[in-house]
Protein backbone atom coordinates (compact mmCIF):
# COMPACT_ATOMS: atom_id res chain seq x y z
CA UNK A 1 0.00 0.00 0.00
CA UNK A 2 1.35 3.39 -1.04
CA UNK A 3 1.58 5.97 1.71
CA UNK A 4 0.05 9.33 0.81
CA UNK A 5 2.18 12.43 0.89
CA UNK A 6 -0.73 14.53 2.19
CA UNK A 7 -2.06 14.87 5.71
CA UNK A 8 -5.77 14.43 6.29
CA UNK A 9 -6.32 18.20 6.48
CA UNK A 10 -4.41 18.70 3.22
CA UNK A 11 -6.60 16.11 1.47
CA UNK A 12 -9.71 17.94 2.69
CA UNK A 13 -8.33 21.32 1.59
CA UNK A 14 -7.29 20.05 -1.85
CA UNK A 15 -10.52 18.10 -2.39
CA UNK A 16 -12.72 21.05 -1.49
CA UNK A 17 -10.63 23.41 -3.64
CA UNK A 18 -10.93 21.06 -6.64
CA UNK A 19 -14.66 20.77 -6.10
CA UNK A 20 -15.16 24.53 -5.79
CA UNK A 21 -12.98 25.51 -8.76
CA UNK A 22 -13.47 22.70 -11.29
CA UNK A 23 -16.10 20.12 -10.40
CA UNK A 24 -19.02 22.03 -8.87
CA UNK A 25 -20.15 23.66 -12.16
CA UNK A 26 -20.26 20.24 -13.84
CA UNK A 27 -22.15 18.27 -11.20
CA UNK A 28 -24.12 20.39 -8.77
CA UNK A 29 -27.30 21.01 -10.78
CA UNK A 30 -29.62 18.03 -10.41
CA UNK A 31 -27.26 15.95 -8.25
CA UNK A 32 -27.90 17.28 -4.74
CA UNK A 33 -27.49 14.54 -2.16
CA UNK A 34 -25.31 12.30 -4.32
CA UNK A 35 -21.90 11.22 -3.07
CA UNK A 36 -18.73 12.36 -4.80
CA UNK A 37 -15.26 10.84 -4.36
CA UNK A 38 -12.46 13.00 -5.75
CA UNK A 39 -8.90 11.93 -6.57
CA UNK A 40 -7.04 14.93 -5.09
CA UNK A 41 -4.01 14.30 -7.32
CA UNK A 42 -5.86 14.52 -10.65
CA UNK A 43 -9.32 15.99 -10.00
CA UNK A 44 -11.02 12.91 -11.46
CA UNK A 45 -14.08 11.76 -9.55
CA UNK A 46 -16.79 9.16 -9.15
CA UNK A 47 -20.38 10.10 -8.28
CA UNK A 48 -23.31 7.95 -7.18
CA UNK A 49 -26.45 8.13 -5.04
CA UNK A 50 -24.98 5.15 -3.13
CA UNK A 51 -21.89 6.11 -1.11
CA UNK A 52 -20.46 2.59 -1.13
CA UNK A 53 -20.83 2.26 -4.91
CA UNK A 54 -19.03 5.58 -5.46
CA UNK A 55 -16.25 4.60 -3.04
CA UNK A 56 -15.74 1.17 -4.63
CA UNK A 57 -15.52 2.60 -8.13
CA UNK A 58 -13.13 5.32 -6.96
CA UNK A 59 -10.90 2.76 -5.25
CA UNK A 60 -10.84 0.62 -8.40
CA UNK A 61 -10.03 3.59 -10.64
CA UNK A 62 -7.65 5.51 -8.39
CA UNK A 63 -6.04 2.63 -6.44
CA UNK A 64 -3.94 4.20 -3.68
CA UNK A 65 -4.39 7.85 -4.68
CA UNK A 66 -5.57 10.18 -1.92
CA UNK A 67 -9.35 10.60 -2.16
CA UNK A 68 -11.78 13.16 -0.75
CA UNK A 69 -15.41 12.16 -0.21
CA UNK A 70 -18.31 14.55 0.06
CA UNK A 71 -22.04 14.85 -0.46
CA UNK A 72 -23.17 17.36 -3.05
CA UNK A 73 -25.12 20.26 -1.55
CA UNK A 74 -24.48 19.24 2.06
CA UNK A 75 -21.92 20.54 4.59
CA UNK A 76 -20.88 16.97 5.40
CA UNK A 77 -21.32 13.52 3.92
CA UNK A 78 -22.92 12.04 7.05
CA UNK A 79 -24.73 13.13 10.20
CA UNK A 80 -23.75 11.38 13.40
CA UNK A 81 -26.06 10.99 16.35
CA UNK A 82 -28.71 13.37 17.54
CA UNK A 83 -32.33 13.65 16.55
CA UNK A 84 -34.69 16.31 15.36
CA UNK A 85 -36.81 17.74 18.14
CA UNK A 86 -40.16 19.05 16.96
CA UNK A 87 -42.12 21.36 19.19
CA UNK A 88 -45.74 20.40 19.46
CA UNK A 89 -48.34 23.09 20.10
CA UNK A 90 -49.83 22.98 23.58
PDB file of N, CA and C in Angstrom:
ATOM      1  N   UNK A   1       0.840  -1.179   0.000  1.00  0.00           N
ATOM      2  CA  UNK A   1       0.000   0.000   0.000  1.00  0.00           C
ATOM      3  C   UNK A   1       0.883   1.241   0.000  1.00  0.00           C
ATOM      4  N   UNK A   2       0.598   2.152  -0.924  1.00  0.00           N
ATOM      5  CA  UNK A   2       1.348   3.385  -1.037  1.00  0.00           C
ATOM      6  C   UNK A   2       0.928   4.338   0.066  1.00  0.00           C
ATOM      7  N   UNK A   3       1.898   5.000   0.672  1.00  0.00           N
ATOM      8  CA  UNK A   3       1.583   5.965   1.709  1.00  0.00           C
ATOM      9  C   UNK A   3       1.406   7.336   1.055  1.00  0.00           C
ATOM     10  N   UNK A   4       0.329   8.026   1.410  1.00  0.00           N
ATOM     11  CA  UNK A   4       0.053   9.326   0.812  1.00  0.00           C
ATOM     12  C   UNK A   4       1.017  10.380   1.328  1.00  0.00           C
ATOM     13  N   UNK A   5       1.273  11.361   0.500  1.00  0.00           N
ATOM     14  CA  UNK A   5       2.177  12.433   0.892  1.00  0.00           C
ATOM     15  C   UNK A   5       1.421  13.595   1.520  1.00  0.00           C
ATOM     16  N   UNK A   6       0.099  13.478   1.622  1.00  0.00           N
ATOM     17  CA  UNK A   6      -0.725  14.527   2.186  1.00  0.00           C
ATOM     18  C   UNK A   6      -1.249  14.129   3.558  1.00  0.00           C
ATOM     19  N   UNK A   7      -1.393  15.114   4.437  1.00  0.00           N
ATOM     20  CA  UNK A   7      -2.063  14.867   5.712  1.00  0.00           C
ATOM     21  C   UNK A   7      -3.567  14.872   5.455  1.00  0.00           C
ATOM     22  N   UNK A   8      -4.324  14.436   6.427  1.00  0.00           N
ATOM     23  CA  UNK A   8      -5.772  14.434   6.285  1.00  0.00           C
ATOM     24  C   UNK A   8      -6.324  15.824   6.001  1.00  0.00           C
ATOM     25  N   UNK A   9      -5.823  16.834   6.698  1.00  0.00           N
ATOM     26  CA  UNK A   9      -6.324  18.196   6.480  1.00  0.00           C
ATOM     27  C   UNK A   9      -5.946  18.716   5.090  1.00  0.00           C
ATOM     28  N   UNK A  10      -4.796  18.291   4.569  1.00  0.00           N
ATOM     29  CA  UNK A  10      -4.406  18.700   3.217  1.00  0.00           C
ATOM     30  C   UNK A  10      -5.309  18.046   2.163  1.00  0.00           C
ATOM     31  N   UNK A  11      -5.689  16.793   2.393  1.00  0.00           N
ATOM     32  CA  UNK A  11      -6.598  16.113   1.467  1.00  0.00           C
ATOM     33  C   UNK A  11      -7.943  16.835   1.443  1.00  0.00           C
ATOM     34  N   UNK A  12      -8.441  17.207   2.611  1.00  0.00           N
ATOM     35  CA  UNK A  12      -9.708  17.937   2.690  1.00  0.00           C
ATOM     36  C   UNK A  12      -9.589  19.273   1.962  1.00  0.00           C
ATOM     37  N   UNK A  13      -8.527  20.008   2.217  1.00  0.00           N
ATOM     38  CA  UNK A  13      -8.335  21.319   1.591  1.00  0.00           C
ATOM     39  C   UNK A  13      -8.254  21.196   0.070  1.00  0.00           C
ATOM     40  N   UNK A  14      -7.448  20.247  -0.405  1.00  0.00           N
ATOM     41  CA  UNK A  14      -7.288  20.049  -1.854  1.00  0.00           C
ATOM     42  C   UNK A  14      -8.588  19.568  -2.501  1.00  0.00           C
ATOM     43  N   UNK A  15      -9.274  18.616  -1.850  1.00  0.00           N
ATOM     44  CA  UNK A  15     -10.522  18.100  -2.393  1.00  0.00           C
ATOM     45  C   UNK A  15     -11.583  19.172  -2.499  1.00  0.00           C
ATOM     46  N   UNK A  16     -11.718  19.980  -1.458  1.00  0.00           N
ATOM     47  CA  UNK A  16     -12.723  21.051  -1.486  1.00  0.00           C
ATOM     48  C   UNK A  16     -12.352  22.114  -2.516  1.00  0.00           C
ATOM     49  N   UNK A  17     -11.070  22.426  -2.641  1.00  0.00           N
ATOM     50  CA  UNK A  17     -10.629  23.410  -3.645  1.00  0.00           C
ATOM     51  C   UNK A  17     -10.907  22.909  -5.061  1.00  0.00           C
ATOM     52  N   UNK A  18     -10.629  21.634  -5.322  1.00  0.00           N
ATOM     53  CA  UNK A  18     -10.926  21.057  -6.639  1.00  0.00           C
ATOM     54  C   UNK A  18     -12.425  21.099  -6.919  1.00  0.00           C
ATOM     55  N   UNK A  19     -13.212  20.746  -5.922  1.00  0.00           N
ATOM     56  CA  UNK A  19     -14.658  20.768  -6.096  1.00  0.00           C
ATOM     57  C   UNK A  19     -15.135  22.180  -6.419  1.00  0.00           C
ATOM     58  N   UNK A  20     -14.703  23.151  -5.615  1.00  0.00           N
ATOM     59  CA  UNK A  20     -15.159  24.528  -5.795  1.00  0.00           C
ATOM     60  C   UNK A  20     -14.733  25.122  -7.137  1.00  0.00           C
ATOM     61  N   UNK A  21     -13.508  24.844  -7.566  1.00  0.00           N
ATOM     62  CA  UNK A  21     -12.978  25.507  -8.757  1.00  0.00           C
ATOM     63  C   UNK A  21     -13.257  24.774 -10.070  1.00  0.00           C
ATOM     64  N   UNK A  22     -13.374  23.445 -10.036  1.00  0.00           N
ATOM     65  CA  UNK A  22     -13.474  22.695 -11.287  1.00  0.00           C
ATOM     66  C   UNK A  22     -14.704  21.801 -11.406  1.00  0.00           C
ATOM     67  N   UNK A  23     -15.082  21.168 -10.313  1.00  0.00           N
ATOM     68  CA  UNK A  23     -16.097  20.118 -10.398  1.00  0.00           C
ATOM     69  C   UNK A  23     -17.514  20.626 -10.162  1.00  0.00           C
ATOM     70  N   UNK A  24     -17.680  21.543  -9.238  1.00  0.00           N
ATOM     71  CA  UNK A  24     -19.023  22.034  -8.872  1.00  0.00           C
ATOM     72  C   UNK A  24     -19.855  22.442 -10.090  1.00  0.00           C
ATOM     73  N   UNK A  25     -19.326  23.253 -11.017  1.00  0.00           N
ATOM     74  CA  UNK A  25     -20.150  23.664 -12.161  1.00  0.00           C
ATOM     75  C   UNK A  25     -20.632  22.490 -13.023  1.00  0.00           C
ATOM     76  N   UNK A  26     -19.911  21.400 -13.018  1.00  0.00           N
ATOM     77  CA  UNK A  26     -20.261  20.241 -13.838  1.00  0.00           C
ATOM     78  C   UNK A  26     -21.310  19.340 -13.190  1.00  0.00           C
ATOM     79  N   UNK A  27     -21.345  19.292 -11.860  1.00  0.00           N
ATOM     80  CA  UNK A  27     -22.154  18.267 -11.202  1.00  0.00           C
ATOM     81  C   UNK A  27     -23.265  18.768 -10.292  1.00  0.00           C
ATOM     82  N   UNK A  28     -23.200  19.992  -9.825  1.00  0.00           N
ATOM     83  CA  UNK A  28     -24.116  20.394  -8.768  1.00  0.00           C
ATOM     84  C   UNK A  28     -25.585  20.401  -9.189  1.00  0.00           C
ATOM     85  N   UNK A  29     -25.893  20.934 -10.341  1.00  0.00           N
ATOM     86  CA  UNK A  29     -27.297  21.008 -10.780  1.00  0.00           C
ATOM     87  C   UNK A  29     -27.869  19.605 -10.984  1.00  0.00           C
ATOM     88  N   UNK A  30     -28.929  19.305 -10.245  1.00  0.00           N
ATOM     89  CA  UNK A  30     -29.622  18.027 -10.409  1.00  0.00           C
ATOM     90  C   UNK A  30     -29.010  16.845  -9.677  1.00  0.00           C
ATOM     91  N   UNK A  31     -27.923  17.065  -8.935  1.00  0.00           N
ATOM     92  CA  UNK A  31     -27.265  15.948  -8.246  1.00  0.00           C
ATOM     93  C   UNK A  31     -27.174  16.134  -6.733  1.00  0.00           C
ATOM     94  N   UNK A  32     -27.963  17.053  -6.176  1.00  0.00           N
ATOM     95  CA  UNK A  32     -27.897  17.283  -4.735  1.00  0.00           C
ATOM     96  C   UNK A  32     -28.176  15.990  -3.974  1.00  0.00           C
ATOM     97  N   UNK A  33     -27.345  15.730  -2.988  1.00  0.00           N
ATOM     98  CA  UNK A  33     -27.492  14.539  -2.158  1.00  0.00           C
ATOM     99  C   UNK A  33     -26.669  13.354  -2.622  1.00  0.00           C
ATOM    100  N   UNK A  34     -26.153  13.400  -3.847  1.00  0.00           N
ATOM    101  CA  UNK A  34     -25.309  12.303  -4.322  1.00  0.00           C
ATOM    102  C   UNK A  34     -23.914  12.412  -3.692  1.00  0.00           C
ATOM    103  N   UNK A  35     -23.235  11.281  -3.639  1.00  0.00           N
ATOM    104  CA  UNK A  35     -21.898  11.224  -3.070  1.00  0.00           C
ATOM    105  C   UNK A  35     -20.860  11.369  -4.175  1.00  0.00           C
ATOM    106  N   UNK A  36     -19.799  12.086  -3.848  1.00  0.00           N
ATOM    107  CA  UNK A  36     -18.731  12.358  -4.796  1.00  0.00           C
ATOM    108  C   UNK A  36     -17.416  11.966  -4.137  1.00  0.00           C
ATOM    109  N   UNK A  37     -16.598  11.214  -4.855  1.00  0.00           N
ATOM    110  CA  UNK A  37     -15.262  10.837  -4.356  1.00  0.00           C
ATOM    111  C   UNK A  37     -14.261  11.385  -5.363  1.00  0.00           C
ATOM    112  N   UNK A  38     -13.387  12.281  -4.882  1.00  0.00           N
ATOM    113  CA  UNK A  38     -12.456  12.996  -5.748  1.00  0.00           C
ATOM    114  C   UNK A  38     -11.032  12.503  -5.531  1.00  0.00           C
ATOM    115  N   UNK A  39     -10.332  12.217  -6.618  1.00  0.00           N
ATOM    116  CA  UNK A  39      -8.897  11.931  -6.573  1.00  0.00           C
ATOM    117  C   UNK A  39      -8.216  13.290  -6.454  1.00  0.00           C
ATOM    118  N   UNK A  40      -7.598  13.590  -5.308  1.00  0.00           N
ATOM    119  CA  UNK A  40      -7.043  14.927  -5.089  1.00  0.00           C
ATOM    120  C   UNK A  40      -5.747  15.163  -5.859  1.00  0.00           C
ATOM    121  N   UNK A  41      -5.184  14.119  -6.462  1.00  0.00           N
ATOM    122  CA  UNK A  41      -4.014  14.302  -7.325  1.00  0.00           C
ATOM    123  C   UNK A  41      -4.412  14.792  -8.714  1.00  0.00           C
ATOM    124  N   UNK A  42      -5.510  14.260  -9.249  1.00  0.00           N
ATOM    125  CA  UNK A  42      -5.860  14.519 -10.650  1.00  0.00           C
ATOM    126  C   UNK A  42      -7.149  15.309 -10.848  1.00  0.00           C
ATOM    127  N   UNK A  43      -8.026  15.341  -9.852  1.00  0.00           N
ATOM    128  CA  UNK A  43      -9.322  15.994  -9.996  1.00  0.00           C
ATOM    129  C   UNK A  43     -10.385  15.099 -10.612  1.00  0.00           C
ATOM    130  N   UNK A  44     -10.025  13.859 -10.959  1.00  0.00           N
ATOM    131  CA  UNK A  44     -11.023  12.908 -11.458  1.00  0.00           C
ATOM    132  C   UNK A  44     -11.933  12.529 -10.298  1.00  0.00           C
ATOM    133  N   UNK A  45     -13.142  12.094 -10.622  1.00  0.00           N
ATOM    134  CA  UNK A  45     -14.078  11.764  -9.554  1.00  0.00           C
ATOM    135  C   UNK A  45     -15.036  10.673  -9.979  1.00  0.00           C
ATOM    136  N   UNK A  46     -15.683  10.094  -8.976  1.00  0.00           N
ATOM    137  CA  UNK A  46     -16.789   9.160  -9.145  1.00  0.00           C
ATOM    138  C   UNK A  46     -17.966   9.733  -8.380  1.00  0.00           C
ATOM    139  N   UNK A  47     -19.173   9.579  -8.922  1.00  0.00           N
ATOM    140  CA  UNK A  47     -20.375  10.101  -8.283  1.00  0.00           C
ATOM    141  C   UNK A  47     -21.457   9.028  -8.333  1.00  0.00           C
ATOM    142  N   UNK A  48     -22.219   8.923  -7.230  1.00  0.00           N
ATOM    143  CA  UNK A  48     -23.307   7.950  -7.179  1.00  0.00           C
ATOM    144  C   UNK A  48     -24.238   8.332  -6.034  1.00  0.00           C
ATOM    145  N   UNK A  49     -25.496   7.936  -6.138  1.00  0.00           N
ATOM    146  CA  UNK A  49     -26.446   8.127  -5.044  1.00  0.00           C
ATOM    147  C   UNK A  49     -26.100   7.210  -3.877  1.00  0.00           C
ATOM    148  N   UNK A  50     -25.404   6.128  -4.147  1.00  0.00           N
ATOM    149  CA  UNK A  50     -24.976   5.154  -3.134  1.00  0.00           C
ATOM    150  C   UNK A  50     -23.512   5.425  -2.787  1.00  0.00           C
ATOM    151  N   UNK A  51     -23.253   5.766  -1.519  1.00  0.00           N
ATOM    152  CA  UNK A  51     -21.887   6.112  -1.108  1.00  0.00           C
ATOM    153  C   UNK A  51     -20.904   4.960  -1.284  1.00  0.00           C
ATOM    154  N   UNK A  52     -21.341   3.746  -1.004  1.00  0.00           N
ATOM    155  CA  UNK A  52     -20.456   2.585  -1.127  1.00  0.00           C
ATOM    156  C   UNK A  52     -20.105   2.333  -2.593  1.00  0.00           C
ATOM    157  N   UNK A  53     -21.089   2.459  -3.476  1.00  0.00           N
ATOM    158  CA  UNK A  53     -20.832   2.257  -4.909  1.00  0.00           C
ATOM    159  C   UNK A  53     -19.816   3.276  -5.421  1.00  0.00           C
ATOM    160  N   UNK A  54     -19.975   4.542  -5.036  1.00  0.00           N
ATOM    161  CA  UNK A  54     -19.031   5.583  -5.464  1.00  0.00           C
ATOM    162  C   UNK A  54     -17.634   5.293  -4.921  1.00  0.00           C
ATOM    163  N   UNK A  55     -17.551   4.885  -3.659  1.00  0.00           N
ATOM    164  CA  UNK A  55     -16.251   4.604  -3.044  1.00  0.00           C
ATOM    165  C   UNK A  55     -15.569   3.404  -3.697  1.00  0.00           C
ATOM    166  N   UNK A  56     -16.333   2.359  -3.998  1.00  0.00           N
ATOM    167  CA  UNK A  56     -15.740   1.168  -4.631  1.00  0.00           C
ATOM    168  C   UNK A  56     -15.210   1.483  -6.025  1.00  0.00           C
ATOM    169  N   UNK A  57     -15.986   2.233  -6.791  1.00  0.00           N
ATOM    170  CA  UNK A  57     -15.520   2.599  -8.133  1.00  0.00           C
ATOM    171  C   UNK A  57     -14.292   3.496  -8.063  1.00  0.00           C
ATOM    172  N   UNK A  58     -14.277   4.428  -7.117  1.00  0.00           N
ATOM    173  CA  UNK A  58     -13.128   5.315  -6.961  1.00  0.00           C
ATOM    174  C   UNK A  58     -11.890   4.521  -6.564  1.00  0.00           C
ATOM    175  N   UNK A  59     -12.047   3.575  -5.657  1.00  0.00           N
ATOM    176  CA  UNK A  59     -10.897   2.757  -5.247  1.00  0.00           C
ATOM    177  C   UNK A  59     -10.374   1.943  -6.423  1.00  0.00           C
ATOM    178  N   UNK A  60     -11.270   1.398  -7.233  1.00  0.00           N
ATOM    179  CA  UNK A  60     -10.845   0.617  -8.398  1.00  0.00           C
ATOM    180  C   UNK A  60     -10.132   1.492  -9.427  1.00  0.00           C
ATOM    181  N   UNK A  61     -10.631   2.692  -9.641  1.00  0.00           N
ATOM    182  CA  UNK A  61     -10.032   3.591 -10.644  1.00  0.00           C
ATOM    183  C   UNK A  61      -8.760   4.261 -10.165  1.00  0.00           C
ATOM    184  N   UNK A  62      -8.735   4.676  -8.893  1.00  0.00           N
ATOM    185  CA  UNK A  62      -7.647   5.506  -8.391  1.00  0.00           C
ATOM    186  C   UNK A  62      -6.676   4.769  -7.476  1.00  0.00           C
ATOM    187  N   UNK A  63      -6.906   3.489  -7.269  1.00  0.00           N
ATOM    188  CA  UNK A  63      -6.039   2.631  -6.439  1.00  0.00           C
ATOM    189  C   UNK A  63      -5.667   3.308  -5.121  1.00  0.00           C
ATOM    190  N   UNK A  64      -4.404   3.641  -4.955  1.00  0.00           N
ATOM    191  CA  UNK A  64      -3.937   4.198  -3.678  1.00  0.00           C
ATOM    192  C   UNK A  64      -3.830   5.716  -3.677  1.00  0.00           C
ATOM    193  N   UNK A  65      -4.421   6.379  -4.646  1.00  0.00           N
ATOM    194  CA  UNK A  65      -4.386   7.846  -4.683  1.00  0.00           C
ATOM    195  C   UNK A  65      -5.177   8.407  -3.503  1.00  0.00           C
ATOM    196  N   UNK A  66      -4.782   9.566  -2.997  1.00  0.00           N
ATOM    197  CA  UNK A  66      -5.567  10.184  -1.916  1.00  0.00           C
ATOM    198  C   UNK A  66      -6.917  10.632  -2.451  1.00  0.00           C
ATOM    199  N   UNK A  67      -7.987  10.316  -1.712  1.00  0.00           N
ATOM    200  CA  UNK A  67      -9.346  10.602  -2.155  1.00  0.00           C
ATOM    201  C   UNK A  67     -10.094  11.420  -1.106  1.00  0.00           C
ATOM    202  N   UNK A  68     -10.935  12.309  -1.598  1.00  0.00           N
ATOM    203  CA  UNK A  68     -11.779  13.158  -0.749  1.00  0.00           C
ATOM    204  C   UNK A  68     -13.232  12.824  -1.062  1.00  0.00           C
ATOM    205  N   UNK A  69     -14.000  12.505  -0.031  1.00  0.00           N
ATOM    206  CA  UNK A  69     -15.412  12.155  -0.206  1.00  0.00           C
ATOM    207  C   UNK A  69     -16.288  13.276   0.331  1.00  0.00           C
ATOM    208  N   UNK A  70     -17.380  13.520  -0.371  1.00  0.00           N
ATOM    209  CA  UNK A  70     -18.311  14.552   0.063  1.00  0.00           C
ATOM    210  C   UNK A  70     -19.708  14.236  -0.465  1.00  0.00           C
ATOM    211  N   UNK A  71     -20.665  14.983   0.011  1.00  0.00           N
ATOM    212  CA  UNK A  71     -22.042  14.852  -0.455  1.00  0.00           C
ATOM    213  C   UNK A  71     -22.441  16.183  -1.082  1.00  0.00           C
ATOM    214  N   UNK A  72     -22.872  16.144  -2.301  1.00  0.00           N
ATOM    215  CA  UNK A  72     -23.173  17.357  -3.053  1.00  0.00           C
ATOM    216  C   UNK A  72     -24.330  18.111  -2.400  1.00  0.00           C
ATOM    217  N   UNK A  73     -24.091  19.405  -2.126  1.00  0.00           N
ATOM    218  CA  UNK A  73     -25.116  20.264  -1.551  1.00  0.00           C
ATOM    219  C   UNK A  73     -25.284  20.147  -0.054  1.00  0.00           C
ATOM    220  N   UNK A  74     -24.399  19.420   0.611  1.00  0.00           N
ATOM    221  CA  UNK A  74     -24.478  19.243   2.065  1.00  0.00           C
ATOM    222  C   UNK A  74     -23.146  19.632   2.698  1.00  0.00           C
ATOM    223  N   UNK A  75     -23.174  20.152   3.929  1.00  0.00           N
ATOM    224  CA  UNK A  75     -21.920  20.537   4.585  1.00  0.00           C
ATOM    225  C   UNK A  75     -21.045  19.345   4.978  1.00  0.00           C
ATOM    226  N   UNK A  76     -21.651  18.175   5.088  1.00  0.00           N
ATOM    227  CA  UNK A  76     -20.878  16.966   5.404  1.00  0.00           C
ATOM    228  C   UNK A  76     -21.553  15.770   4.733  1.00  0.00           C
ATOM    229  N   UNK A  77     -20.779  14.703   4.583  1.00  0.00           N
ATOM    230  CA  UNK A  77     -21.321  13.515   3.919  1.00  0.00           C
ATOM    231  C   UNK A  77     -22.322  12.778   4.813  1.00  0.00           C
ATOM    232  N   UNK A  78     -22.089  12.807   6.120  1.00  0.00           N
ATOM    233  CA  UNK A  78     -22.922  12.041   7.051  1.00  0.00           C
ATOM    234  C   UNK A  78     -23.262  12.885   8.263  1.00  0.00           C
ATOM    235  N   UNK A  79     -24.352  12.508   8.937  1.00  0.00           N
ATOM    236  CA  UNK A  79     -24.733  13.127  10.201  1.00  0.00           C
ATOM    237  C   UNK A  79     -24.633  12.054  11.264  1.00  0.00           C
ATOM    238  N   UNK A  80     -23.928  12.347  12.327  1.00  0.00           N
ATOM    239  CA  UNK A  80     -23.754  11.377  13.397  1.00  0.00           C
ATOM    240  C   UNK A  80     -24.587  11.759  14.614  1.00  0.00           C
ATOM    241  N   UNK A  81     -25.322  10.803  15.119  1.00  0.00           N
ATOM    242  CA  UNK A  81     -26.063  10.988  16.355  1.00  0.00           C
ATOM    243  C   UNK A  81     -27.138  12.063  16.280  1.00  0.00           C
ATOM    244  N   UNK A  82     -27.718  12.323  17.426  1.00  0.00           N
ATOM    245  CA  UNK A  82     -28.713  13.369  17.535  1.00  0.00           C
ATOM    246  C   UNK A  82     -30.043  12.997  16.910  1.00  0.00           C
ATOM    247  N   UNK A  83     -31.008  13.838  17.142  1.00  0.00           N
ATOM    248  CA  UNK A  83     -32.329  13.654  16.552  1.00  0.00           C
ATOM    249  C   UNK A  83     -32.978  15.006  16.387  1.00  0.00           C
ATOM    250  N   UNK A  84     -33.985  15.067  15.607  1.00  0.00           N
ATOM    251  CA  UNK A  84     -34.691  16.307  15.359  1.00  0.00           C
ATOM    252  C   UNK A  84     -35.814  16.434  16.385  1.00  0.00           C
ATOM    253  N   UNK A  85     -35.765  17.493  17.155  1.00  0.00           N
ATOM    254  CA  UNK A  85     -36.810  17.741  18.140  1.00  0.00           C
ATOM    255  C   UNK A  85     -37.846  18.666  17.510  1.00  0.00           C
ATOM    256  N   UNK A  86     -39.088  18.246  17.539  1.00  0.00           N
ATOM    257  CA  UNK A  86     -40.160  19.046  16.962  1.00  0.00           C
ATOM    258  C   UNK A  86     -41.062  19.506  18.087  1.00  0.00           C
ATOM    259  N   UNK A  87     -41.231  20.825  18.173  1.00  0.00           N
ATOM    260  CA  UNK A  87     -42.115  21.355  19.191  1.00  0.00           C
ATOM    261  C   UNK A  87     -43.565  21.126  18.775  1.00  0.00           C
ATOM    262  N   UNK A  88     -44.326  20.616  19.684  1.00  0.00           N
ATOM    263  CA  UNK A  88     -45.742  20.396  19.455  1.00  0.00           C
ATOM    264  C   UNK A  88     -46.508  21.543  20.118  1.00  0.00           C
ATOM    265  N   UNK A  89     -47.537  22.041  19.449  1.00  0.00           N
ATOM    266  CA  UNK A  89     -48.336  23.094  20.099  1.00  0.00           C
ATOM    267  C   UNK A  89     -49.042  22.540  21.330  1.00  0.00           C
ATOM    268  N   UNK A  90     -49.165  23.393  22.341  1.00  0.00           N
ATOM    269  CA  UNK A  90     -49.826  22.979  23.584  1.00  0.00           C
ATOM    270  C   UNK A  90     -51.304  23.161  23.511  1.00  0.00           C
TER     271      UNK A  90
END
